[in-house]
């Protein structure tokens, strides 16, 4: 939809493909869809609905690949994957080679990754069930898994849904926006 004119343009999805939670960069759209085995997989297509193909599919232990985000150059996609019963990881899939990198350590809930405008960093929430108060929070990481860093924020709050400001890049002056909720006194 063009917000100024309110003109709507319908993008046809391939037959039998119901797009949810789409993300678009250039003329590419990634989206999760419920497959025949009852699992959510990630697919990609052009903005005219053509070229639809599979990007990723959960393994035997998991049922969900969700919340896909294309890198600014459209070469990679960050995925929120259920890898075990209570473990959710950030996976980066290379769209050219199909190679996937799991950016998350074991036994954590991490996800809803967003790319910096230059594609050099991802920002995401991290919940560590073993050390909730010291290790949980917002983190950044390079798409190759290097340079994992906790964003320095005050304790006593739950931080979620981070995103980089548009065009702020990934340098020392980069800015992020996020949701925050004060934890009850009993949890601080």
Protein backbone atom coordinates (compact mmCIF):
# COMPACT_ATOMS: atom_id res chain seq x y z
CA UNK A 1 0.00 0.00 0.00
CA UNK A 2 1.22 3.46 -0.86
CA UNK A 3 0.57 5.36 2.36
CA UNK A 4 0.27 8.73 0.60
CA UNK A 5 -2.17 7.71 -2.10
CA UNK A 6 -3.69 4.70 -0.31
CA UNK A 7 -3.29 2.75 -3.56
CA UNK A 8 -3.04 -0.99 -2.94
CA UNK A 9 -1.11 -3.38 -5.14
CA UNK A 10 -1.83 -7.06 -4.65
CA UNK A 11 1.17 -9.38 -4.92
CA UNK A 12 0.03 -12.82 -5.94
CA UNK A 13 1.60 -15.66 -4.02
CA UNK A 14 2.12 -18.98 -5.79
CA UNK A 15 -0.88 -21.30 -5.63
CA UNK A 16 -1.16 -22.94 -2.22
CA UNK A 17 1.35 -20.55 -0.64
CA UNK A 18 -0.15 -18.34 2.03
CA UNK A 19 2.35 -15.64 2.95
CA UNK A 20 2.53 -14.41 6.54
CA UNK A 21 4.93 -11.98 8.20
CA UNK A 22 6.61 -10.97 4.91
CA UNK A 23 9.79 -8.93 4.68
CA UNK A 24 10.92 -7.19 1.50
CA UNK A 25 14.24 -5.84 0.22
CA UNK A 26 14.47 -4.66 -3.39
CA UNK A 27 12.24 -6.96 -5.41
CA UNK A 28 12.61 -9.96 -3.06
CA UNK A 29 10.08 -11.03 -0.45
CA UNK A 30 10.77 -13.66 2.22
CA UNK A 31 7.91 -15.16 4.17
CA UNK A 32 7.11 -18.10 6.45
CA UNK A 33 4.50 -20.59 5.35
CA UNK A 34 2.88 -23.66 6.85
CA UNK A 35 3.99 -26.69 4.81
CA UNK A 36 2.34 -30.05 4.19
CA UNK A 37 4.11 -31.62 7.21
CA UNK A 38 2.63 -29.05 9.60
CA UNK A 39 5.86 -27.08 9.99
CA UNK A 40 6.63 -23.46 9.20
CA UNK A 41 9.31 -23.05 6.55
CA UNK A 42 10.83 -19.93 4.96
CA UNK A 43 10.33 -19.18 1.27
CA UNK A 44 11.40 -16.38 -1.05
CA UNK A 45 9.85 -14.94 -4.20
CA UNK A 46 10.09 -11.88 -6.41
CA UNK A 47 7.65 -9.04 -5.84
CA UNK A 48 5.51 -10.24 -8.77
CA UNK A 49 5.05 -13.67 -7.12
CA UNK A 50 7.42 -15.48 -9.49
CA UNK A 51 10.53 -17.45 -8.62
CA UNK A 52 9.10 -18.87 -5.41
CA UNK A 53 11.54 -21.26 -3.73
CA UNK A 54 12.37 -22.79 -0.37
CA UNK A 55 15.00 -21.00 1.75
CA UNK A 56 14.89 -23.10 4.92
CA UNK A 57 12.93 -25.79 6.62
CA UNK A 58 13.02 -26.81 10.29
CA UNK A 59 14.74 -30.05 11.19
CA UNK A 60 13.08 -33.14 12.69
CA UNK A 61 13.18 -31.75 16.27
CA UNK A 62 11.69 -28.37 15.48
CA UNK A 63 8.46 -27.21 13.91
CA UNK A 64 9.01 -23.55 13.21
CA UNK A 65 11.16 -21.24 11.12
CA UNK A 66 9.73 -17.75 11.54
CA UNK A 67 10.21 -13.99 11.39
CA UNK A 68 12.56 -13.87 8.37
CA UNK A 69 14.52 -10.68 7.72
CA UNK A 70 16.49 -10.09 4.52
CA UNK A 71 19.90 -8.44 4.76
CA UNK A 72 20.06 -4.95 3.22
CA UNK A 73 21.86 -6.31 0.13
CA UNK A 74 19.34 -9.18 -0.19
CA UNK A 75 22.00 -11.90 -0.04
CA UNK A 76 21.15 -13.43 3.35
CA UNK A 77 18.15 -13.96 5.58
CA UNK A 78 18.04 -14.06 9.38
CA UNK A 79 15.56 -16.63 10.72
CA UNK A 80 14.03 -17.24 14.15
CA UNK A 81 14.19 -21.08 14.50
CA UNK A 82 12.78 -23.39 17.14
CA UNK A 83 15.70 -25.86 17.46
CA UNK A 84 14.53 -27.77 20.54
CA UNK A 85 11.43 -27.73 22.73
CA UNK A 86 12.25 -24.43 24.50
CA UNK A 87 15.29 -23.28 22.51
CA UNK A 88 14.95 -20.67 19.80
CA UNK A 89 18.00 -19.62 17.80
CA UNK A 90 19.01 -17.08 15.20
CA UNK A 91 19.96 -18.74 11.93
CA UNK A 92 21.53 -16.84 9.02
CA UNK A 93 20.98 -18.48 5.63
CA UNK A 94 23.02 -17.51 2.57
CA UNK A 95 20.53 -17.28 -0.32
CA UNK A 96 23.11 -18.13 -2.98
CA UNK A 97 24.74 -21.18 -1.38
CA UNK A 98 22.00 -22.34 1.02
CA UNK A 99 24.57 -22.47 3.83
CA UNK A 100 23.12 -21.85 7.29
CA UNK A 101 24.96 -20.57 10.37
CA UNK A 102 23.44 -20.98 13.85
CA UNK A 103 24.46 -17.84 15.75
CA UNK A 104 23.06 -18.92 19.14
CA UNK A 105 24.61 -20.90 21.98
CA UNK A 106 22.74 -23.93 23.38
CA UNK A 107 19.90 -23.66 25.91
CA UNK A 108 18.77 -20.12 25.13
CA UNK A 109 15.91 -18.21 23.62
CA UNK A 110 17.22 -15.71 21.07
CA UNK A 111 15.47 -14.11 18.20
CA UNK A 112 13.65 -11.49 16.25
CA UNK A 113 16.94 -10.37 14.74
CA UNK A 114 17.10 -7.13 12.76
CA UNK A 115 19.89 -6.06 10.39
CA UNK A 116 21.86 -2.84 10.60
CA UNK A 117 21.47 -0.68 7.48
CA UNK A 118 24.97 -1.64 6.32
CA UNK A 119 24.35 -5.38 6.89
CA UNK A 120 27.34 -5.71 9.22
CA UNK A 121 25.42 -6.43 12.46
CA UNK A 122 22.27 -8.04 13.75
CA UNK A 123 20.54 -6.89 16.94
CA UNK A 124 18.30 -9.32 18.88
CA UNK A 125 16.90 -10.24 22.27
CA UNK A 126 18.55 -12.97 24.37
CA UNK A 127 17.02 -14.87 27.28
CA UNK A 128 19.37 -17.10 29.23
CA UNK A 129 17.30 -19.36 31.47
CA UNK A 130 20.32 -20.31 33.63
CA UNK A 131 21.39 -16.71 34.39
CA UNK A 132 18.33 -14.62 33.56
CA UNK A 133 19.38 -11.47 35.37
CA UNK A 134 23.00 -11.13 34.25
CA UNK A 135 23.08 -12.53 30.72
CA UNK A 136 19.60 -11.76 29.36
CA UNK A 137 19.10 -8.58 27.37
CA UNK A 138 19.82 -7.16 23.93
CA UNK A 139 22.86 -8.26 21.95
CA UNK A 140 24.55 -7.55 18.64
CA UNK A 141 26.49 -10.02 16.49
CA UNK A 142 28.08 -10.14 13.06
CA UNK A 143 26.29 -12.42 10.55
CA UNK A 144 29.27 -14.82 10.60
CA UNK A 145 28.80 -15.34 14.36
CA UNK A 146 31.74 -13.21 15.48
CA UNK A 147 31.81 -10.24 17.83
CA UNK A 148 28.80 -11.11 20.02
CA UNK A 149 28.27 -8.18 22.38
CA UNK A 150 25.71 -7.35 25.03
CA UNK A 151 24.14 -3.90 24.67
CA UNK A 152 24.85 -2.08 27.96
CA UNK A 153 21.45 -1.31 29.49
CA UNK A 154 20.22 -0.87 33.08
CA UNK A 155 19.26 -3.98 35.05
CA UNK A 156 15.73 -4.60 36.33
CA UNK A 157 14.06 -4.43 32.92
CA UNK A 158 13.00 -6.84 30.18
CA UNK A 159 14.16 -5.65 26.74
CA UNK A 160 12.70 -6.96 23.48
CA UNK A 161 11.94 -6.26 19.81
CA UNK A 162 15.11 -4.27 18.98
CA UNK A 163 15.77 -2.67 15.61
CA UNK A 164 18.41 -0.36 14.20
CA UNK A 165 17.40 3.17 13.23
CA UNK A 166 17.28 3.46 9.43
CA UNK A 167 20.61 4.44 7.87
CA UNK A 168 22.43 4.48 11.23
CA UNK A 169 24.82 1.71 10.18
CA UNK A 170 26.70 -0.41 12.70
CA UNK A 171 29.43 1.92 13.96
CA UNK A 172 29.85 3.65 17.29
CA UNK A 173 27.09 6.16 16.42
CA UNK A 174 24.53 3.51 15.46
CA UNK A 175 21.19 3.80 17.22
CA UNK A 176 18.64 1.14 18.15
CA UNK A 177 15.03 1.29 19.23
CA UNK A 178 13.43 -1.39 21.43
CA UNK A 179 10.62 -2.23 23.81
CA UNK A 180 11.25 -2.19 27.56
CA UNK A 181 9.23 -3.36 30.53
CA UNK A 182 10.15 -2.89 34.18
CA UNK A 183 10.43 -6.19 36.02
CA UNK A 184 8.42 -6.64 39.24
CA UNK A 185 10.43 -6.04 42.44
CA UNK A 186 10.40 -9.77 43.19
CA UNK A 187 12.30 -10.47 39.94
CA UNK A 188 14.91 -7.70 40.12
